Amino acid sequence: MKLLTKYISKQFANPSGVGGRTVASVMNQQNRKQYQAVLDNINIQPTDTILDIGFGNGYLIGNLLKHHPAKICGIEISRDMLTLVSRKHRQDVSMEKLDLHLADIKALPFDDAYFDKICTVNTLYFWNNADRSFAEIERTLKPGGISLNVFYSKDFLDNMAHAQYGYSKYSIEQVVKMTEKSGLKVVRVIEIQTEMSYCVIAKKE
């Protein structure tokens, strides 16, 4: 049972193979309210360049594309998910509406002040250098740009078996502190599910 739990935890962090595709589909169902929180608050404009950090099987990217921003970029540490989403959205890629990379958040392959909006859903736990990762978000945001960081709280994850392996868990206060330490200003904290999941919205001034 312990080995299975560790396997599930590993797949949440870096989906691969058949198990990874299954876990990614499960995440789409579990995270539907969290994805909707991003869509409800990102306020997409036709001129926006947007980054999705840890796009998984591309569920959020697909929904962001429906709002017709100028460009969407995405990074993923899973080569399997990168291949899957590149194939699924090959037309958007060929039209340069979608730009996907195999990359880690702590070293984003983009210029300074490149993005109008940056969003990420349930990747915070897997950042192996949180301060550097938040700094990369701040670096690549344009002045006036916003970030939306969606996550489950430490108190909730402490009761999830798979989250006992490979997860760094944070309270809302810790996430706010790390965000503002990077130079971003937290403008709103949304409670998506009572005492479970939250969205921290921050702005680069």
C-alpha atoms as a PDB file:
ATOM      1  CA  MET A   1       0.000   0.000   0.000  1.00  0.00           C
ATOM      2  CA  LYS A   2       2.861   2.367   0.851  1.00  0.00           C
ATOM      3  CA  LEU A   3       4.509   1.711  -2.525  1.00  0.00           C
ATOM      4  CA  LEU A   4       1.242   2.439  -4.331  1.00  0.00           C
ATOM      5  CA  THR A   5       0.784   5.682  -2.389  1.00  0.00           C
ATOM      6  CA  LYS A   6       4.337   6.768  -3.239  1.00  0.00           C
ATOM      7  CA  TYR A   7       3.717   5.922  -6.901  1.00  0.00           C
ATOM      8  CA  ILE A   8       0.562   8.061  -6.959  1.00  0.00           C
ATOM      9  CA  SER A   9       2.434  10.923  -5.307  1.00  0.00           C
ATOM     10  CA  LYS A  10       5.204  10.685  -7.908  1.00  0.00           C
ATOM     11  CA  GLN A  11       2.652  10.753 -10.734  1.00  0.00           C
ATOM     12  CA  PHE A  12       1.019  13.893  -9.342  1.00  0.00           C
ATOM     13  CA  ALA A  13       4.447  15.557  -9.329  1.00  0.00           C
ATOM     14  CA  ASN A  14       5.619  14.355 -12.741  1.00  0.00           C
ATOM     15  CA  PRO A  15       3.017  12.415 -14.766  1.00  0.00           C
ATOM     16  CA  SER A  16       4.416   9.773 -17.102  1.00  0.00           C
ATOM     17  CA  GLY A  17       3.162   6.760 -19.022  1.00  0.00           C
ATOM     18  CA  VAL A  18      -0.308   5.287 -18.672  1.00  0.00           C
ATOM     19  CA  GLY A  19      -0.355   6.043 -14.942  1.00  0.00           C
ATOM     20  CA  GLY A  20       0.494   9.667 -15.619  1.00  0.00           C
ATOM     21  CA  ARG A  21      -2.302  10.074 -18.142  1.00  0.00           C
ATOM     22  CA  THR A  22      -4.744   8.508 -15.676  1.00  0.00           C
ATOM     23  CA  VAL A  23      -3.630  10.768 -12.827  1.00  0.00           C
ATOM     24  CA  ALA A  24      -3.842  13.833 -15.098  1.00  0.00           C
ATOM     25  CA  SER A  25      -7.465  12.966 -15.946  1.00  0.00           C
ATOM     26  CA  VAL A  26      -8.258  12.494 -12.260  1.00  0.00           C
ATOM     27  CA  MET A  27      -6.695  15.884 -11.530  1.00  0.00           C
ATOM     28  CA  ASN A  28      -8.934  17.513 -14.131  1.00  0.00           C
ATOM     29  CA  GLN A  29     -11.987  16.328 -12.211  1.00  0.00           C
ATOM     30  CA  GLN A  30     -10.630  17.114  -8.742  1.00  0.00           C
ATOM     31  CA  ASN A  31      -9.359  20.543  -9.739  1.00  0.00           C
ATOM     32  CA  ARG A  32     -12.351  21.759 -11.747  1.00  0.00           C
ATOM     33  CA  LYS A  33     -13.272  24.448  -9.184  1.00  0.00           C
ATOM     34  CA  GLN A  34      -9.658  25.547  -9.007  1.00  0.00           C
ATOM     35  CA  TYR A  35      -9.349  25.899 -12.765  1.00  0.00           C
ATOM     36  CA  GLN A  36     -12.600  27.851 -12.772  1.00  0.00           C
ATOM     37  CA  ALA A  37     -11.201  30.221 -10.144  1.00  0.00           C
ATOM     38  CA  VAL A  38      -8.353  31.026 -12.532  1.00  0.00           C
ATOM     39  CA  LEU A  39     -10.706  31.548 -15.468  1.00  0.00           C
ATOM     40  CA  ASP A  40     -13.033  33.752 -13.380  1.00  0.00           C
ATOM     41  CA  ASN A  41     -10.246  36.024 -12.182  1.00  0.00           C
ATOM     42  CA  ILE A  42      -7.598  36.179 -14.901  1.00  0.00           C
ATOM     43  CA  ASN A  43      -9.487  38.789 -16.984  1.00  0.00           C
ATOM     44  CA  ILE A  44      -7.986  37.830 -20.353  1.00  0.00           C
ATOM     45  CA  GLN A  45      -7.440  40.623 -22.876  1.00  0.00           C
ATOM     46  CA  PRO A  46      -6.802  40.148 -26.619  1.00  0.00           C
ATOM     47  CA  THR A  47      -3.261  41.505 -26.206  1.00  0.00           C
ATOM     48  CA  ASP A  48      -2.310  39.238 -23.298  1.00  0.00           C
ATOM     49  CA  THR A  49       0.634  36.861 -23.256  1.00  0.00           C
ATOM     50  CA  ILE A  50      -0.070  34.240 -20.582  1.00  0.00           C
ATOM     51  CA  LEU A  51       2.060  31.555 -18.924  1.00  0.00           C
ATOM     52  CA  ASP A  52       0.619  28.326 -17.488  1.00  0.00           C
ATOM     53  CA  ILE A  53       3.130  26.698 -15.138  1.00  0.00           C
ATOM     54  CA  GLY A  54       2.816  22.911 -14.973  1.00  0.00           C
ATOM     55  CA  PHE A  55       0.074  22.507 -17.570  1.00  0.00           C
ATOM     56  CA  GLY A  56      -0.381  18.722 -17.172  1.00  0.00           C
ATOM     57  CA  ASN A  57      -2.628  17.343 -19.904  1.00  0.00           C
ATOM     58  CA  GLY A  58      -3.576  20.849 -21.036  1.00  0.00           C
ATOM     59  CA  TYR A  59      -7.052  21.187 -19.537  1.00  0.00           C
ATOM     60  CA  LEU A  60      -6.510  24.787 -18.423  1.00  0.00           C
ATOM     61  CA  ILE A  61      -4.617  25.717 -21.589  1.00  0.00           C
ATOM     62  CA  GLY A  62      -7.573  24.518 -23.663  1.00  0.00           C
ATOM     63  CA  ASN A  63      -9.922  26.745 -21.707  1.00  0.00           C
ATOM     64  CA  LEU A  64      -7.575  29.736 -21.813  1.00  0.00           C
ATOM     65  CA  LEU A  65      -7.336  29.425 -25.604  1.00  0.00           C
ATOM     66  CA  LYS A  66     -11.123  29.813 -25.865  1.00  0.00           C
ATOM     67  CA  HIS A  67     -10.730  33.393 -24.601  1.00  0.00           C
ATOM     68  CA  HIS A  68      -8.363  34.254 -27.488  1.00  0.00           C
ATOM     69  CA  PRO A  69      -5.383  35.921 -25.818  1.00  0.00           C
ATOM     70  CA  ALA A  70      -2.515  36.967 -28.077  1.00  0.00           C
ATOM     71  CA  LYS A  71      -0.364  34.033 -26.949  1.00  0.00           C
ATOM     72  CA  ILE A  72      -0.202  31.291 -24.347  1.00  0.00           C
ATOM     73  CA  CYS A  73       3.045  29.740 -23.157  1.00  0.00           C
ATOM     74  CA  GLY A  74       3.367  26.702 -20.955  1.00  0.00           C
ATOM     75  CA  ILE A  75       6.089  24.868 -19.073  1.00  0.00           C
ATOM     76  CA  GLU A  76       6.034  21.278 -17.871  1.00  0.00           C
ATOM     77  CA  ILE A  77       8.616  18.992 -16.280  1.00  0.00           C
ATOM     78  CA  SER A  78       6.858  15.938 -17.720  1.00  0.00           C
ATOM     79  CA  ARG A  79       8.045  15.113 -21.235  1.00  0.00           C
ATOM     80  CA  ASP A  80       4.992  12.853 -21.696  1.00  0.00           C
ATOM     81  CA  MET A  81       2.583  15.711 -20.919  1.00  0.00           C
ATOM     82  CA  LEU A  82       4.518  18.060 -23.200  1.00  0.00           C
ATOM     83  CA  THR A  83       4.195  15.573 -26.066  1.00  0.00           C
ATOM     84  CA  LEU A  84       0.508  14.971 -25.358  1.00  0.00           C
ATOM     85  CA  VAL A  85      -0.473  18.652 -25.294  1.00  0.00           C
ATOM     86  CA  SER A  86       1.719  19.543 -28.269  1.00  0.00           C
ATOM     87  CA  ARG A  87      -0.138  16.941 -30.326  1.00  0.00           C
ATOM     88  CA  LYS A  88      -3.558  17.905 -29.011  1.00  0.00           C
ATOM     89  CA  HIS A  89      -3.018  21.579 -29.872  1.00  0.00           C
ATOM     90  CA  ARG A  90      -0.731  21.171 -32.891  1.00  0.00           C
ATOM     91  CA  GLN A  91      -2.664  23.795 -34.863  1.00  0.00           C
ATOM     92  CA  ASP A  92      -2.273  26.434 -32.132  1.00  0.00           C
ATOM     93  CA  VAL A  93       1.418  25.561 -31.894  1.00  0.00           C
ATOM     94  CA  SER A  94       1.889  25.862 -35.667  1.00  0.00           C
ATOM     95  CA  MET A  95       0.109  29.242 -35.639  1.00  0.00           C
ATOM     96  CA  GLU A  96       2.402  30.385 -32.779  1.00  0.00           C
ATOM     97  CA  LYS A  97      -0.603  30.961 -30.512  1.00  0.00           C
ATOM     98  CA  LEU A  98       0.793  28.323 -28.154  1.00  0.00           C
ATOM     99  CA  ASP A  99       4.440  27.932 -27.096  1.00  0.00           C
ATOM    100  CA  LEU A 100       5.237  24.898 -24.935  1.00  0.00           C
ATOM    101  CA  HIS A 101       8.506  24.088 -23.168  1.00  0.00           C
ATOM    102  CA  LEU A 102      10.067  21.318 -21.108  1.00  0.00           C
ATOM    103  CA  ALA A 103      11.327  23.447 -18.233  1.00  0.00           C
ATOM    104  CA  ASP A 104      11.467  23.975 -14.488  1.00  0.00           C
ATOM    105  CA  ILE A 105       9.877  27.018 -12.864  1.00  0.00           C
ATOM    106  CA  LYS A 106      13.087  27.959 -11.091  1.00  0.00           C
ATOM    107  CA  ALA A 107      14.688  28.702 -14.485  1.00  0.00           C
ATOM    108  CA  LEU A 108      11.956  30.005 -16.810  1.00  0.00           C
ATOM    109  CA  PRO A 109      13.113  30.151 -20.465  1.00  0.00           C
ATOM    110  CA  PHE A 110      11.623  33.600 -21.077  1.00  0.00           C
ATOM    111  CA  ASP A 111      12.852  37.192 -21.098  1.00  0.00           C
ATOM    112  CA  ASP A 112      12.272  39.670 -18.292  1.00  0.00           C
ATOM    113  CA  ALA A 113       8.827  41.326 -18.257  1.00  0.00           C
ATOM    114  CA  TYR A 114       7.455  38.933 -20.889  1.00  0.00           C
ATOM    115  CA  PHE A 115       4.036  37.999 -19.489  1.00  0.00           C
ATOM    116  CA  ASP A 116       0.855  39.887 -18.699  1.00  0.00           C
ATOM    117  CA  LYS A 117      -0.555  36.989 -16.645  1.00  0.00           C
ATOM    118  CA  ILE A 118       0.998  33.911 -15.034  1.00  0.00           C
ATOM    119  CA  CYS A 119      -1.089  31.129 -13.547  1.00  0.00           C
ATOM    120  CA  THR A 120      -0.419  27.788 -11.918  1.00  0.00           C
ATOM    121  CA  VAL A 121      -2.683  25.189 -10.321  1.00  0.00           C
ATOM    122  CA  ASN A 122      -1.362  22.719  -7.748  1.00  0.00           C
ATOM    123  CA  THR A 123       2.317  22.889  -8.641  1.00  0.00           C
ATOM    124  CA  LEU A 124       3.583  24.829  -5.616  1.00  0.00           C
ATOM    125  CA  TYR A 125       4.175  21.633  -3.601  1.00  0.00           C
ATOM    126  CA  PHE A 126       6.725  20.376  -6.119  1.00  0.00           C
ATOM    127  CA  TRP A 127       8.913  23.476  -6.459  1.00  0.00           C
ATOM    128  CA  ASN A 128      12.316  22.425  -5.110  1.00  0.00           C
ATOM    129  CA  ASN A 129      13.358  26.039  -4.570  1.00  0.00           C
ATOM    130  CA  ALA A 130      10.263  28.064  -3.722  1.00  0.00           C
ATOM    131  CA  ASP A 131      12.002  31.434  -3.224  1.00  0.00           C
ATOM    132  CA  ARG A 132      13.793  31.191  -6.564  1.00  0.00           C
ATOM    133  CA  SER A 133      10.579  30.060  -8.281  1.00  0.00           C
ATOM    134  CA  PHE A 134       8.591  33.020  -6.951  1.00  0.00           C
ATOM    135  CA  ALA A 135      11.457  35.281  -8.043  1.00  0.00           C
ATOM    136  CA  GLU A 136      11.192  33.869 -11.583  1.00  0.00           C
ATOM    137  CA  ILE A 137       7.479  34.673 -11.667  1.00  0.00           C
ATOM    138  CA  GLU A 138       8.262  38.235 -10.586  1.00  0.00           C
ATOM    139  CA  ARG A 139      11.078  38.536 -13.133  1.00  0.00           C
ATOM    140  CA  THR A 140       9.031  37.424 -16.126  1.00  0.00           C
ATOM    141  CA  LEU A 141       5.881  39.416 -15.301  1.00  0.00           C
ATOM    142  CA  LYS A 142       5.399  42.814 -16.911  1.00  0.00           C
ATOM    143  CA  PRO A 143       4.830  45.799 -14.602  1.00  0.00           C
ATOM    144  CA  GLY A 144       1.116  45.727 -13.846  1.00  0.00           C
ATOM    145  CA  GLY A 145       0.956  41.990 -14.626  1.00  0.00           C
ATOM    146  CA  ILE A 146      -0.708  39.511 -12.285  1.00  0.00           C
ATOM    147  CA  SER A 147      -0.006  36.005 -11.035  1.00  0.00           C
ATOM    148  CA  LEU A 148      -2.614  33.506  -9.867  1.00  0.00           C
ATOM    149  CA  ASN A 149      -1.311  30.707  -7.654  1.00  0.00           C
ATOM    150  CA  VAL A 150      -3.870  28.017  -6.788  1.00  0.00           C
ATOM    151  CA  PHE A 151      -3.097  25.408  -4.138  1.00  0.00           C
ATOM    152  CA  TYR A 152      -4.461  23.133  -1.420  1.00  0.00           C
ATOM    153  CA  SER A 153      -3.670  24.205   2.135  1.00  0.00           C
ATOM    154  CA  LYS A 154      -1.230  22.371   4.392  1.00  0.00           C
ATOM    155  CA  ASP A 155      -4.026  21.475   6.821  1.00  0.00           C
ATOM    156  CA  PHE A 156      -5.977  19.760   4.044  1.00  0.00           C
ATOM    157  CA  LEU A 157      -2.977  17.970   2.519  1.00  0.00           C
ATOM    158  CA  ASP A 158      -1.859  16.690   5.914  1.00  0.00           C
ATOM    159  CA  ASN A 159      -4.887  14.385   5.783  1.00  0.00           C
ATOM    160  CA  MET A 160      -4.185  13.063   2.273  1.00  0.00           C
ATOM    161  CA  ALA A 161      -2.149   9.848   2.157  1.00  0.00           C
ATOM    162  CA  HIS A 162      -0.365  10.547  -1.123  1.00  0.00           C
ATOM    163  CA  ALA A 163       0.636  14.039   0.020  1.00  0.00           C
ATOM    164  CA  GLN A 164       2.900  12.575   2.702  1.00  0.00           C
ATOM    165  CA  TYR A 165       5.507  11.797   0.050  1.00  0.00           C
ATOM    166  CA  GLY A 166       7.300  14.406  -2.035  1.00  0.00           C
ATOM    167  CA  TYR A 167       5.036  17.349  -1.147  1.00  0.00           C
ATOM    168  CA  SER A 168       6.093  20.663   0.371  1.00  0.00           C
ATOM    169  CA  LYS A 169       2.967  21.937   2.103  1.00  0.00           C
ATOM    170  CA  TYR A 170       2.218  25.548   3.006  1.00  0.00           C
ATOM    171  CA  SER A 171      -0.303  27.595   4.928  1.00  0.00           C
ATOM    172  CA  ILE A 172      -1.984  30.555   3.263  1.00  0.00           C
ATOM    173  CA  GLU A 173       0.160  32.878   5.376  1.00  0.00           C
ATOM    174  CA  GLN A 174       3.347  31.203   4.152  1.00  0.00           C
ATOM    175  CA  VAL A 175       2.324  31.483   0.495  1.00  0.00           C
ATOM    176  CA  VAL A 176       1.463  35.158   0.925  1.00  0.00           C
ATOM    177  CA  LYS A 177       4.805  35.778   2.633  1.00  0.00           C
ATOM    178  CA  MET A 178       6.807  33.994  -0.090  1.00  0.00           C
ATOM    179  CA  THR A 179       4.902  35.840  -2.811  1.00  0.00           C
ATOM    180  CA  GLU A 180       5.575  39.251  -1.302  1.00  0.00           C
ATOM    181  CA  LYS A 181       9.193  38.382  -0.542  1.00  0.00           C
ATOM    182  CA  SER A 182       9.716  38.078  -4.310  1.00  0.00           C
ATOM    183  CA  GLY A 183       8.560  41.675  -4.795  1.00  0.00           C
ATOM    184  CA  LEU A 184       4.989  40.999  -5.862  1.00  0.00           C
ATOM    185  CA  LYS A 185       2.063  42.611  -4.033  1.00  0.00           C
ATOM    186  CA  VAL A 186      -0.727  40.269  -2.958  1.00  0.00           C
ATOM    187  CA  VAL A 187      -3.997  41.943  -3.911  1.00  0.00           C
ATOM    188  CA  ARG A 188      -6.505  39.204  -3.132  1.00  0.00           C
ATOM    189  CA  VAL A 189      -6.784  35.758  -1.534  1.00  0.00           C
ATOM    190  CA  ILE A 190      -9.770  33.694  -2.680  1.00  0.00           C
ATOM    191  CA  GLU A 191     -11.041  30.750  -0.687  1.00  0.00           C
ATOM    192  CA  ILE A 192     -12.137  28.367  -3.453  1.00  0.00           C
ATOM    193  CA  GLN A 193     -13.208  25.477  -1.210  1.00  0.00           C
ATOM    194  CA  THR A 194     -13.750  26.105   2.486  1.00  0.00           C
ATOM    195  CA  GLU A 195     -10.514  25.464   4.425  1.00  0.00           C
ATOM    196  CA  MET A 196      -9.210  23.415   1.482  1.00  0.00           C
ATOM    197  CA  SER A 197      -8.064  25.345  -1.574  1.00  0.00           C
ATOM    198  CA  TYR A 198      -7.108  28.934  -2.258  1.00  0.00           C
ATOM    199  CA  CYS A 199      -6.019  31.281  -5.008  1.00  0.00           C
ATOM    200  CA  VAL A 200      -3.451  33.939  -4.189  1.00  0.00           C
ATOM    201  CA  ILE A 201      -3.582  36.786  -6.718  1.00  0.00           C
ATOM    202  CA  ALA A 202      -0.562  39.082  -6.813  1.00  0.00           C
ATOM    203  CA  LYS A 203       0.489  42.057  -8.917  1.00  0.00           C
ATOM    204  CA  LYS A 204       3.817  43.365 -10.102  1.00  0.00           C
ATOM    205  CA  GLU A 205       3.872  47.086  -9.440  1.00  0.00           C
END
